[in-house]
């Protein structure tokens, strides 16, 4: 066997190091969903879109050898999810405090 003939393992490694053709499709969907998730993070649909962007970002990072694009999609989606959760927590805390105030007023002002 010739010394310079590539083995099956070497050919497989060379194929694995090449950029995968489906990577750009995942990246495109990742950018779309991450952007929508960031823009619409106030709404529930925005958070669902950001979660989809996060999934596509992770898949892009795994498939493509250029990790930067996948990481940027993951960060953008995470920011959208974080903003949505922060807004949800603010509204939940506001409702909790209003419930406490209403309960306090009903309890202590009903005895007059």
PDB file of N, CA and C in Angstrom:
ATOM      1  N   UNK A   1       0.841  -1.178   0.000  1.00  0.00           N
ATOM      2  CA  UNK A   1       0.000   0.000   0.000  1.00  0.00           C
ATOM      3  C   UNK A   1       0.885   1.240   0.000  1.00  0.00           C
ATOM      4  N   UNK A   2       0.499   2.207  -0.786  1.00  0.00           N
ATOM      5  CA  UNK A   2       1.305   3.419  -0.907  1.00  0.00           C
ATOM      6  C   UNK A   2       1.206   4.246   0.368  1.00  0.00           C
ATOM      7  N   UNK A   3       2.283   4.831   0.750  1.00  0.00           N
ATOM      8  CA  UNK A   3       2.354   5.601   1.995  1.00  0.00           C
ATOM      9  C   UNK A   3       1.471   6.847   1.929  1.00  0.00           C
ATOM     10  N   UNK A   4       1.275   7.405   0.749  1.00  0.00           N
ATOM     11  CA  UNK A   4       0.543   8.659   0.624  1.00  0.00           C
ATOM     12  C   UNK A   4      -0.932   8.464   0.288  1.00  0.00           C
ATOM     13  N   UNK A   5      -1.399   7.248   0.288  1.00  0.00           N
ATOM     14  CA  UNK A   5      -2.815   6.999   0.052  1.00  0.00           C
ATOM     15  C   UNK A   5      -3.575   7.277   1.341  1.00  0.00           C
ATOM     16  N   UNK A   6      -4.656   8.039   1.235  1.00  0.00           N
ATOM     17  CA  UNK A   6      -5.409   8.374   2.445  1.00  0.00           C
ATOM     18  C   UNK A   6      -6.248   7.180   2.893  1.00  0.00           C
ATOM     19  N   UNK A   7      -6.293   6.995   4.169  1.00  0.00           N
ATOM     20  CA  UNK A   7      -7.091   5.911   4.734  1.00  0.00           C
ATOM     21  C   UNK A   7      -8.538   6.372   4.862  1.00  0.00           C
ATOM     22  N   UNK A   8      -9.391   5.449   5.206  1.00  0.00           N
ATOM     23  CA  UNK A   8     -10.809   5.782   5.374  1.00  0.00           C
ATOM     24  C   UNK A   8     -10.993   6.784   6.506  1.00  0.00           C
ATOM     25  N   UNK A   9     -10.231   6.633   7.570  1.00  0.00           N
ATOM     26  CA  UNK A   9     -10.342   7.553   8.697  1.00  0.00           C
ATOM     27  C   UNK A   9      -9.925   8.966   8.287  1.00  0.00           C
ATOM     28  N   UNK A  10      -8.842   9.083   7.531  1.00  0.00           N
ATOM     29  CA  UNK A  10      -8.394  10.398   7.080  1.00  0.00           C
ATOM     30  C   UNK A  10      -9.415  11.043   6.153  1.00  0.00           C
ATOM     31  N   UNK A  11     -10.001  10.249   5.254  1.00  0.00           N
ATOM     32  CA  UNK A  11     -11.032  10.793   4.370  1.00  0.00           C
ATOM     33  C   UNK A  11     -12.243  11.246   5.179  1.00  0.00           C
ATOM     34  N   UNK A  12     -12.623  10.480   6.198  1.00  0.00           N
ATOM     35  CA  UNK A  12     -13.755  10.852   7.051  1.00  0.00           C
ATOM     36  C   UNK A  12     -13.454  12.142   7.806  1.00  0.00           C
ATOM     37  N   UNK A  13     -12.223  12.272   8.324  1.00  0.00           N
ATOM     38  CA  UNK A  13     -11.848  13.482   9.046  1.00  0.00           C
ATOM     39  C   UNK A  13     -11.834  14.694   8.118  1.00  0.00           C
ATOM     40  N   UNK A  14     -11.402  14.501   6.885  1.00  0.00           N
ATOM     41  CA  UNK A  14     -11.405  15.608   5.929  1.00  0.00           C
ATOM     42  C   UNK A  14     -12.831  16.041   5.605  1.00  0.00           C
ATOM     43  N   UNK A  15     -13.735  15.080   5.481  1.00  0.00           N
ATOM     44  CA  UNK A  15     -15.133  15.423   5.221  1.00  0.00           C
ATOM     45  C   UNK A  15     -15.760  16.125   6.419  1.00  0.00           C
ATOM     46  N   UNK A  16     -15.383  15.727   7.624  1.00  0.00           N
ATOM     47  CA  UNK A  16     -15.944  16.345   8.820  1.00  0.00           C
ATOM     48  C   UNK A  16     -15.451  17.770   9.006  1.00  0.00           C
ATOM     49  N   UNK A  17     -14.250  18.071   8.545  1.00  0.00           N
ATOM     50  CA  UNK A  17     -13.701  19.412   8.728  1.00  0.00           C
ATOM     51  C   UNK A  17     -14.236  20.406   7.703  1.00  0.00           C
ATOM     52  N   UNK A  18     -14.851  19.921   6.630  1.00  0.00           N
ATOM     53  CA  UNK A  18     -15.434  20.818   5.639  1.00  0.00           C
ATOM     54  C   UNK A  18     -16.717  21.425   6.192  1.00  0.00           C
ATOM     55  N   UNK A  19     -17.009  22.687   5.836  1.00  0.00           N
ATOM     56  CA  UNK A  19     -18.276  23.284   6.275  1.00  0.00           C
ATOM     57  C   UNK A  19     -19.459  22.496   5.716  1.00  0.00           C
ATOM     58  N   UNK A  20     -20.422  22.255   6.551  1.00  0.00           N
ATOM     59  CA  UNK A  20     -21.590  21.481   6.137  1.00  0.00           C
ATOM     60  C   UNK A  20     -22.545  22.379   5.350  1.00  0.00           C
ATOM     61  N   UNK A  21     -23.157  21.875   4.287  1.00  0.00           N
ATOM     62  CA  UNK A  21     -24.028  22.720   3.474  1.00  0.00           C
ATOM     63  C   UNK A  21     -25.299  23.148   4.200  1.00  0.00           C
ATOM     64  N   UNK A  22     -25.778  22.375   5.151  1.00  0.00           N
ATOM     65  CA  UNK A  22     -27.011  22.748   5.842  1.00  0.00           C
ATOM     66  C   UNK A  22     -26.753  23.733   6.973  1.00  0.00           C
ATOM     67  N   UNK A  23     -25.511  24.059   7.243  1.00  0.00           N
ATOM     68  CA  UNK A  23     -25.198  24.982   8.331  1.00  0.00           C
ATOM     69  C   UNK A  23     -25.725  26.381   8.090  1.00  0.00           C
ATOM     70  N   UNK A  24     -25.696  26.848   6.856  1.00  0.00           N
ATOM     71  CA  UNK A  24     -26.169  28.202   6.588  1.00  0.00           C
ATOM     72  C   UNK A  24     -27.678  28.300   6.735  1.00  0.00           C
ATOM     73  N   UNK A  25     -28.395  27.216   6.462  1.00  0.00           N
ATOM     74  CA  UNK A  25     -29.850  27.225   6.630  1.00  0.00           C
ATOM     75  C   UNK A  25     -30.196  27.331   8.113  1.00  0.00           C
ATOM     76  N   UNK A  26     -29.503  26.556   8.941  1.00  0.00           N
ATOM     77  CA  UNK A  26     -29.732  26.643  10.382  1.00  0.00           C
ATOM     78  C   UNK A  26     -29.378  28.024  10.906  1.00  0.00           C
ATOM     79  N   UNK A  27     -28.282  28.587  10.409  1.00  0.00           N
ATOM     80  CA  UNK A  27     -27.879  29.924  10.845  1.00  0.00           C
ATOM     81  C   UNK A  27     -28.915  30.966  10.432  1.00  0.00           C
ATOM     82  N   UNK A  28     -29.457  30.830   9.228  1.00  0.00           N
ATOM     83  CA  UNK A  28     -30.473  31.776   8.763  1.00  0.00           C
ATOM     84  C   UNK A  28     -31.708  31.726   9.655  1.00  0.00           C
ATOM     85  N   UNK A  29     -32.203  30.520   9.924  1.00  0.00           N
ATOM     86  CA  UNK A  29     -33.355  30.393  10.819  1.00  0.00           C
ATOM     87  C   UNK A  29     -33.009  30.885  12.223  1.00  0.00           C
ATOM     88  N   UNK A  30     -31.793  30.622  12.660  1.00  0.00           N
ATOM     89  CA  UNK A  30     -31.368  31.097  13.975  1.00  0.00           C
ATOM     90  C   UNK A  30     -31.397  32.606  14.068  1.00  0.00           C
ATOM     91  N   UNK A  31     -30.867  33.281  13.040  1.00  0.00           N
ATOM     92  CA  UNK A  31     -30.873  34.748  13.046  1.00  0.00           C
ATOM     93  C   UNK A  31     -32.294  35.293  12.994  1.00  0.00           C
ATOM     94  N   UNK A  32     -33.149  34.680  12.185  1.00  0.00           N
ATOM     95  CA  UNK A  32     -34.535  35.158  12.067  1.00  0.00           C
ATOM     96  C   UNK A  32     -35.261  35.016  13.401  1.00  0.00           C
ATOM     97  N   UNK A  33     -35.209  33.817  13.991  1.00  0.00           N
ATOM     98  CA  UNK A  33     -35.937  33.597  15.241  1.00  0.00           C
ATOM     99  C   UNK A  33     -35.330  34.377  16.399  1.00  0.00           C
ATOM    100  N   UNK A  34     -34.006  34.506  16.436  1.00  0.00           N
ATOM    101  CA  UNK A  34     -33.378  35.273  17.513  1.00  0.00           C
ATOM    102  C   UNK A  34     -33.738  36.751  17.399  1.00  0.00           C
ATOM    103  N   UNK A  35     -33.745  37.273  16.173  1.00  0.00           N
ATOM    104  CA  UNK A  35     -34.117  38.673  15.977  1.00  0.00           C
ATOM    105  C   UNK A  35     -35.566  38.940  16.333  1.00  0.00           C
ATOM    106  N   UNK A  36     -36.453  38.057  15.899  1.00  0.00           N
ATOM    107  CA  UNK A  36     -37.865  38.209  16.265  1.00  0.00           C
ATOM    108  C   UNK A  36     -38.057  38.085  17.772  1.00  0.00           C
ATOM    109  N   UNK A  37     -37.320  37.164  18.375  1.00  0.00           N
ATOM    110  CA  UNK A  37     -37.430  36.996  19.824  1.00  0.00           C
ATOM    111  C   UNK A  37     -36.967  38.221  20.576  1.00  0.00           C
ATOM    112  N   UNK A  38     -35.934  38.878  20.063  1.00  0.00           N
ATOM    113  CA  UNK A  38     -35.447  40.088  20.719  1.00  0.00           C
ATOM    114  C   UNK A  38     -36.410  41.249  20.507  1.00  0.00           C
ATOM    115  N   UNK A  39     -36.935  41.385  19.296  1.00  0.00           N
ATOM    116  CA  UNK A  39     -37.850  42.490  19.010  1.00  0.00           C
ATOM    117  C   UNK A  39     -39.204  42.323  19.698  1.00  0.00           C
ATOM    118  N   UNK A  40     -39.682  41.096  19.772  1.00  0.00           N
ATOM    119  CA  UNK A  40     -41.008  40.836  20.344  1.00  0.00           C
ATOM    120  C   UNK A  40     -40.920  40.219  21.736  1.00  0.00           C
ATOM    121  N   UNK A  41     -39.855  40.517  22.465  1.00  0.00           N
ATOM    122  CA  UNK A  41     -39.661  39.861  23.757  1.00  0.00           C
ATOM    123  C   UNK A  41     -40.719  40.252  24.783  1.00  0.00           C
ATOM    124  N   UNK A  42     -41.472  41.309  24.519  1.00  0.00           N
ATOM    125  CA  UNK A  42     -42.544  41.707  25.433  1.00  0.00           C
ATOM    126  C   UNK A  42     -43.686  40.692  25.373  1.00  0.00           C
ATOM    127  N   UNK A  43     -43.891  40.094  24.205  1.00  0.00           N
ATOM    128  CA  UNK A  43     -44.998  39.164  24.010  1.00  0.00           C
ATOM    129  C   UNK A  43     -44.552  37.724  24.240  1.00  0.00           C
ATOM    130  N   UNK A  44     -45.505  36.864  24.494  1.00  0.00           N
ATOM    131  CA  UNK A  44     -45.210  35.444  24.693  1.00  0.00           C
ATOM    132  C   UNK A  44     -44.662  34.829  23.409  1.00  0.00           C
ATOM    133  N   UNK A  45     -45.207  35.230  22.267  1.00  0.00           N
ATOM    134  CA  UNK A  45     -44.739  34.681  20.990  1.00  0.00           C
ATOM    135  C   UNK A  45     -43.284  35.059  20.746  1.00  0.00           C
ATOM    136  N   UNK A  46     -42.872  36.205  21.262  1.00  0.00           N
ATOM    137  CA  UNK A  46     -41.477  36.610  21.132  1.00  0.00           C
ATOM    138  C   UNK A  46     -40.551  35.708  21.911  1.00  0.00           C
ATOM    139  N   UNK A  47     -40.979  35.312  23.101  1.00  0.00           N
ATOM    140  CA  UNK A  47     -40.151  34.403  23.898  1.00  0.00           C
ATOM    141  C   UNK A  47     -40.086  33.018  23.264  1.00  0.00           C
ATOM    142  N   UNK A  48     -41.187  32.559  22.695  1.00  0.00           N
ATOM    143  CA  UNK A  48     -41.155  31.272  21.993  1.00  0.00           C
ATOM    144  C   UNK A  48     -40.231  31.340  20.781  1.00  0.00           C
ATOM    145  N   UNK A  49     -40.261  32.471  20.093  1.00  0.00           N
ATOM    146  CA  UNK A  49     -39.363  32.660  18.954  1.00  0.00           C
ATOM    147  C   UNK A  49     -37.905  32.690  19.406  1.00  0.00           C
ATOM    148  N   UNK A  50     -37.637  33.328  20.536  1.00  0.00           N
ATOM    149  CA  UNK A  50     -36.267  33.368  21.058  1.00  0.00           C
ATOM    150  C   UNK A  50     -35.793  31.978  21.465  1.00  0.00           C
ATOM    151  N   UNK A  51     -36.690  31.169  21.994  1.00  0.00           N
ATOM    152  CA  UNK A  51     -36.317  29.793  22.354  1.00  0.00           C
ATOM    153  C   UNK A  51     -35.975  28.997  21.094  1.00  0.00           C
ATOM    154  N   UNK A  52     -36.763  29.188  20.025  1.00  0.00           N
ATOM    155  CA  UNK A  52     -36.431  28.532  18.751  1.00  0.00           C
ATOM    156  C   UNK A  52     -35.093  29.032  18.214  1.00  0.00           C
ATOM    157  N   UNK A  53     -34.843  30.333  18.351  1.00  0.00           N
ATOM    158  CA  UNK A  53     -33.555  30.878  17.934  1.00  0.00           C
ATOM    159  C   UNK A  53     -32.406  30.284  18.722  1.00  0.00           C
ATOM    160  N   UNK A  54     -32.638  30.048  20.004  1.00  0.00           N
ATOM    161  CA  UNK A  54     -31.616  29.425  20.847  1.00  0.00           C
ATOM    162  C   UNK A  54     -31.316  28.007  20.367  1.00  0.00           C
ATOM    163  N   UNK A  55     -32.352  27.259  20.031  1.00  0.00           N
ATOM    164  CA  UNK A  55     -32.159  25.892  19.530  1.00  0.00           C
ATOM    165  C   UNK A  55     -31.383  25.906  18.214  1.00  0.00           C
ATOM    166  N   UNK A  56     -31.773  26.796  17.292  1.00  0.00           N
ATOM    167  CA  UNK A  56     -31.063  26.880  16.017  1.00  0.00           C
ATOM    168  C   UNK A  56     -29.634  27.374  16.206  1.00  0.00           C
ATOM    169  N   UNK A  57     -29.406  28.248  17.183  1.00  0.00           N
ATOM    170  CA  UNK A  57     -28.046  28.699  17.462  1.00  0.00           C
ATOM    171  C   UNK A  57     -27.163  27.575  17.964  1.00  0.00           C
ATOM    172  N   UNK A  58     -27.709  26.734  18.823  1.00  0.00           N
ATOM    173  CA  UNK A  58     -26.943  25.587  19.328  1.00  0.00           C
ATOM    174  C   UNK A  58     -26.647  24.611  18.192  1.00  0.00           C
ATOM    175  N   UNK A  59     -27.642  24.366  17.331  1.00  0.00           N
ATOM    176  CA  UNK A  59     -27.411  23.474  16.191  1.00  0.00           C
ATOM    177  C   UNK A  59     -26.382  24.057  15.224  1.00  0.00           C
ATOM    178  N   UNK A  60     -26.439  25.362  15.001  1.00  0.00           N
ATOM    179  CA  UNK A  60     -25.461  26.005  14.122  1.00  0.00           C
ATOM    180  C   UNK A  60     -24.064  25.885  14.692  1.00  0.00           C
ATOM    181  N   UNK A  61     -23.943  26.074  15.991  1.00  0.00           N
ATOM    182  CA  UNK A  61     -22.631  25.984  16.636  1.00  0.00           C
ATOM    183  C   UNK A  61     -22.077  24.569  16.528  1.00  0.00           C
ATOM    184  N   UNK A  62     -22.935  23.583  16.616  1.00  0.00           N
ATOM    185  CA  UNK A  62     -22.466  22.195  16.542  1.00  0.00           C
ATOM    186  C   UNK A  62     -22.103  21.774  15.123  1.00  0.00           C
ATOM    187  N   UNK A  63     -22.857  22.242  14.142  1.00  0.00           N
ATOM    188  CA  UNK A  63     -22.629  21.775  12.774  1.00  0.00           C
ATOM    189  C   UNK A  63     -21.490  22.534  12.102  1.00  0.00           C
ATOM    190  N   UNK A  64     -21.481  23.856  12.229  1.00  0.00           N
ATOM    191  CA  UNK A  64     -20.463  24.635  11.541  1.00  0.00           C
ATOM    192  C   UNK A  64     -19.195  24.702  12.368  1.00  0.00           C
ATOM    193  N   UNK A  65     -18.094  24.815  11.678  1.00  0.00           N
ATOM    194  CA  UNK A  65     -16.815  24.933  12.374  1.00  0.00           C
ATOM    195  C   UNK A  65     -16.593  26.359  12.867  1.00  0.00           C
ATOM    196  N   UNK A  66     -17.292  27.314  12.275  1.00  0.00           N
ATOM    197  CA  UNK A  66     -17.195  28.697  12.743  1.00  0.00           C
ATOM    198  C   UNK A  66     -18.154  28.857  13.913  1.00  0.00           C
ATOM    199  N   UNK A  67     -17.627  28.823  15.095  1.00  0.00           N
ATOM    200  CA  UNK A  67     -18.483  28.873  16.279  1.00  0.00           C
ATOM    201  C   UNK A  67     -19.010  30.268  16.564  1.00  0.00           C
ATOM    202  N   UNK A  68     -18.403  31.298  15.984  1.00  0.00           N
ATOM    203  CA  UNK A  68     -18.783  32.668  16.315  1.00  0.00           C
ATOM    204  C   UNK A  68     -20.235  32.947  15.959  1.00  0.00           C
ATOM    205  N   UNK A  69     -20.663  32.516  14.803  1.00  0.00           N
ATOM    206  CA  UNK A  69     -22.030  32.787  14.375  1.00  0.00           C
ATOM    207  C   UNK A  69     -23.040  32.096  15.287  1.00  0.00           C
ATOM    208  N   UNK A  70     -22.804  30.852  15.628  1.00  0.00           N
ATOM    209  CA  UNK A  70     -23.704  30.145  16.539  1.00  0.00           C
ATOM    210  C   UNK A  70     -23.747  30.783  17.911  1.00  0.00           C
ATOM    211  N   UNK A  71     -22.584  31.238  18.393  1.00  0.00           N
ATOM    212  CA  UNK A  71     -22.534  31.875  19.711  1.00  0.00           C
ATOM    213  C   UNK A  71     -23.294  33.195  19.695  1.00  0.00           C
ATOM    214  N   UNK A  72     -23.165  33.972  18.619  1.00  0.00           N
ATOM    215  CA  UNK A  72     -23.904  35.234  18.532  1.00  0.00           C
ATOM    216  C   UNK A  72     -25.411  34.993  18.501  1.00  0.00           C
ATOM    217  N   UNK A  73     -25.841  33.957  17.801  1.00  0.00           N
ATOM    218  CA  UNK A  73     -27.271  33.627  17.771  1.00  0.00           C
ATOM    219  C   UNK A  73     -27.737  33.214  19.165  1.00  0.00           C
ATOM    220  N   UNK A  74     -26.936  32.429  19.861  1.00  0.00           N
ATOM    221  CA  UNK A  74     -27.287  31.997  21.215  1.00  0.00           C
ATOM    222  C   UNK A  74     -27.390  33.196  22.151  1.00  0.00           C
ATOM    223  N   UNK A  75     -26.431  34.120  22.067  1.00  0.00           N
ATOM    224  CA  UNK A  75     -26.445  35.303  22.938  1.00  0.00           C
ATOM    225  C   UNK A  75     -27.655  36.173  22.638  1.00  0.00           C
ATOM    226  N   UNK A  76     -27.943  36.403  21.361  1.00  0.00           N
ATOM    227  CA  UNK A  76     -29.086  37.229  20.984  1.00  0.00           C
ATOM    228  C   UNK A  76     -30.395  36.610  21.473  1.00  0.00           C
ATOM    229  N   UNK A  77     -30.531  35.309  21.328  1.00  0.00           N
ATOM    230  CA  UNK A  77     -31.740  34.627  21.803  1.00  0.00           C
ATOM    231  C   UNK A  77     -31.837  34.684  23.319  1.00  0.00           C
ATOM    232  N   UNK A  78     -30.716  34.516  23.993  1.00  0.00           N
ATOM    233  CA  UNK A  78     -30.723  34.547  25.456  1.00  0.00           C
ATOM    234  C   UNK A  78     -31.114  35.922  25.980  1.00  0.00           C
ATOM    235  N   UNK A  79     -30.663  36.973  25.303  1.00  0.00           N
ATOM    236  CA  UNK A  79     -31.052  38.328  25.710  1.00  0.00           C
ATOM    237  C   UNK A  79     -32.556  38.514  25.537  1.00  0.00           C
ATOM    238  N   UNK A  80     -33.102  38.033  24.420  1.00  0.00           N
ATOM    239  CA  UNK A  80     -34.547  38.124  24.207  1.00  0.00           C
ATOM    240  C   UNK A  80     -35.332  37.368  25.264  1.00  0.00           C
ATOM    241  N   UNK A  81     -34.872  36.173  25.618  1.00  0.00           N
ATOM    242  CA  UNK A  81     -35.534  35.384  26.664  1.00  0.00           C
ATOM    243  C   UNK A  81     -35.418  36.096  28.006  1.00  0.00           C
ATOM    244  N   UNK A  82     -34.251  36.654  28.293  1.00  0.00           N
ATOM    245  CA  UNK A  82     -34.043  37.362  29.561  1.00  0.00           C
ATOM    246  C   UNK A  82     -34.940  38.576  29.698  1.00  0.00           C
ATOM    247  N   UNK A  83     -35.084  39.347  28.620  1.00  0.00           N
ATOM    248  CA  UNK A  83     -35.968  40.518  28.661  1.00  0.00           C
ATOM    249  C   UNK A  83     -37.409  40.075  28.890  1.00  0.00           C
ATOM    250  N   UNK A  84     -37.830  39.031  28.196  1.00  0.00           N
ATOM    251  CA  UNK A  84     -39.198  38.531  28.381  1.00  0.00           C
ATOM    252  C   UNK A  84     -39.453  38.044  29.794  1.00  0.00           C
ATOM    253  N   UNK A  85     -38.485  37.331  30.371  1.00  0.00           N
ATOM    254  CA  UNK A  85     -38.647  36.860  31.749  1.00  0.00           C
ATOM    255  C   UNK A  85     -38.656  38.019  32.738  1.00  0.00           C
ATOM    256  N   UNK A  86     -37.831  39.029  32.486  1.00  0.00           N
ATOM    257  CA  UNK A  86     -37.803  40.195  33.363  1.00  0.00           C
ATOM    258  C   UNK A  86     -39.142  40.918  33.346  1.00  0.00           C
ATOM    259  N   UNK A  87     -39.710  41.086  32.161  1.00  0.00           N
ATOM    260  CA  UNK A  87     -41.017  41.737  32.055  1.00  0.00           C
ATOM    261  C   UNK A  87     -42.084  40.894  32.742  1.00  0.00           C
ATOM    262  N   UNK A  88     -42.027  39.578  32.577  1.00  0.00           N
ATOM    263  CA  UNK A  88     -42.986  38.698  33.247  1.00  0.00           C
ATOM    264  C   UNK A  88     -42.869  38.819  34.766  1.00  0.00           C
ATOM    265  N   UNK A  89     -41.645  38.844  35.273  1.00  0.00           N
ATOM    266  CA  UNK A  89     -41.441  38.953  36.721  1.00  0.00           C
ATOM    267  C   UNK A  89     -41.957  40.290  37.238  1.00  0.00           C
ATOM    268  N   UNK A  90     -41.743  41.367  36.484  1.00  0.00           N
ATOM    269  CA  UNK A  90     -42.239  42.683  36.908  1.00  0.00           C
ATOM    270  C   UNK A  90     -43.757  42.676  36.987  1.00  0.00           C
ATOM    271  N   UNK A  91     -44.425  42.131  35.953  1.00  0.00           N
ATOM    272  CA  UNK A  91     -45.886  42.088  35.979  1.00  0.00           C
ATOM    273  C   UNK A  91     -46.402  41.168  37.081  1.00  0.00           C
ATOM    274  N   UNK A  92     -45.736  40.057  37.318  1.00  0.00           N
ATOM    275  CA  UNK A  92     -46.162  39.145  38.383  1.00  0.00           C
ATOM    276  C   UNK A  92     -45.999  39.808  39.744  1.00  0.00           C
ATOM    277  N   UNK A  93     -44.896  40.509  39.952  1.00  0.00           N
ATOM    278  CA  UNK A  93     -44.683  41.193  41.232  1.00  0.00           C
ATOM    279  C   UNK A  93     -45.700  42.309  41.417  1.00  0.00           C
ATOM    280  N   UNK A  94     -46.012  43.020  40.344  1.00  0.00           N
ATOM    281  CA  UNK A  94     -46.999  44.086  40.431  1.00  0.00           C
ATOM    282  C   UNK A  94     -48.369  43.521  40.806  1.00  0.00           C
ATOM    283  N   UNK A  95     -48.758  42.420  40.189  1.00  0.00           N
ATOM    284  CA  UNK A  95     -50.034  41.793  40.528  1.00  0.00           C
ATOM    285  C   UNK A  95     -50.054  41.272  41.950  1.00  0.00           C
ATOM    286  N   UNK A  96     -48.922  40.737  42.413  1.00  0.00           N
ATOM    287  CA  UNK A  96     -48.837  40.242  43.782  1.00  0.00           C
ATOM    288  C   UNK A  96     -48.993  41.381  44.780  1.00  0.00           C
ATOM    289  N   UNK A  97     -48.321  42.499  44.530  1.00  0.00           N
ATOM    290  CA  UNK A  97     -48.404  43.646  45.439  1.00  0.00           C
ATOM    291  C   UNK A  97     -49.808  44.233  45.423  1.00  0.00           C
ATOM    292  N   UNK A  98     -50.426  44.334  44.253  1.00  0.00           N
ATOM    293  CA  UNK A  98     -51.799  44.841  44.193  1.00  0.00           C
ATOM    294  C   UNK A  98     -52.755  43.928  44.949  1.00  0.00           C
ATOM    295  N   UNK A  99     -52.536  42.624  44.866  1.00  0.00           N
ATOM    296  CA  UNK A  99     -53.361  41.691  45.627  1.00  0.00           C
ATOM    297  C   UNK A  99     -53.176  41.861  47.122  1.00  0.00           C
ATOM    298  N   UNK A 100     -51.945  42.091  47.555  1.00  0.00           N
ATOM    299  CA  UNK A 100     -51.700  42.343  48.976  1.00  0.00           C
ATOM    300  C   UNK A 100     -52.387  43.620  49.439  1.00  0.00           C
ATOM    301  N   UNK A 101     -52.313  44.664  48.638  1.00  0.00           N
ATOM    302  CA  UNK A 101     -52.942  45.937  49.010  1.00  0.00           C
ATOM    303  C   UNK A 101     -54.453  45.775  49.072  1.00  0.00           C
ATOM    304  N   UNK A 102     -55.029  45.105  48.091  1.00  0.00           N
ATOM    305  CA  UNK A 102     -56.478  44.907  48.073  1.00  0.00           C
ATOM    306  C   UNK A 102     -56.917  44.063  49.278  1.00  0.00           C
ATOM    307  N   UNK A 103     -56.179  43.009  49.577  1.00  0.00           N
ATOM    308  CA  UNK A 103     -56.514  42.176  50.731  1.00  0.00           C
ATOM    309  C   UNK A 103     -56.381  42.936  52.042  1.00  0.00           C
ATOM    310  N   UNK A 104     -55.354  43.758  52.144  1.00  0.00           N
ATOM    311  CA  UNK A 104     -55.166  44.569  53.354  1.00  0.00           C
ATOM    312  C   UNK A 104     -56.322  45.543  53.518  1.00  0.00           C
ATOM    313  N   UNK A 105     -56.693  46.223  52.434  1.00  0.00           N
ATOM    314  CA  UNK A 105     -57.780  47.198  52.509  1.00  0.00           C
ATOM    315  C   UNK A 105     -59.109  46.528  52.835  1.00  0.00           C
ATOM    316  N   UNK A 106     -59.380  45.377  52.249  1.00  0.00           N
ATOM    317  CA  UNK A 106     -60.644  44.688  52.529  1.00  0.00           C
ATOM    318  C   UNK A 106     -60.694  44.196  53.968  1.00  0.00           C
ATOM    319  N   UNK A 107     -59.571  43.758  54.476  1.00  0.00           N
ATOM    320  CA  UNK A 107     -59.556  43.200  55.822  1.00  0.00           C
ATOM    321  C   UNK A 107     -59.650  44.289  56.889  1.00  0.00           C
ATOM    322  N   UNK A 108     -58.876  45.337  56.749  1.00  0.00           N
ATOM    323  CA  UNK A 108     -58.803  46.336  57.810  1.00  0.00           C
ATOM    324  C   UNK A 108     -59.806  47.460  57.657  1.00  0.00           C
ATOM    325  N   UNK A 109     -60.343  47.679  56.483  1.00  0.00           N
ATOM    326  CA  UNK A 109     -61.312  48.759  56.329  1.00  0.00           C
ATOM    327  C   UNK A 109     -62.748  48.252  56.356  1.00  0.00           C
ATOM    328  N   UNK A 110     -62.949  46.952  56.417  1.00  0.00           N
ATOM    329  CA  UNK A 110     -64.316  46.431  56.471  1.00  0.00           C
ATOM    330  C   UNK A 110     -64.888  46.523  57.884  1.00  0.00           C
ATOM    331  N   UNK A 111     -64.039  46.710  58.878  1.00  0.00           N
ATOM    332  CA  UNK A 111     -64.508  46.765  60.259  1.00  0.00           C
ATOM    333  C   UNK A 111     -65.017  48.122  60.676  1.00  0.00           C
ATOM    334  N   UNK A 112     -64.948  49.104  59.835  1.00  0.00           N
ATOM    335  CA  UNK A 112     -65.387  50.457  60.212  1.00  0.00           C
ATOM    336  C   UNK A 112     -66.862  50.618  60.189  1.00  0.00           C
TER     337      UNK A 112
END
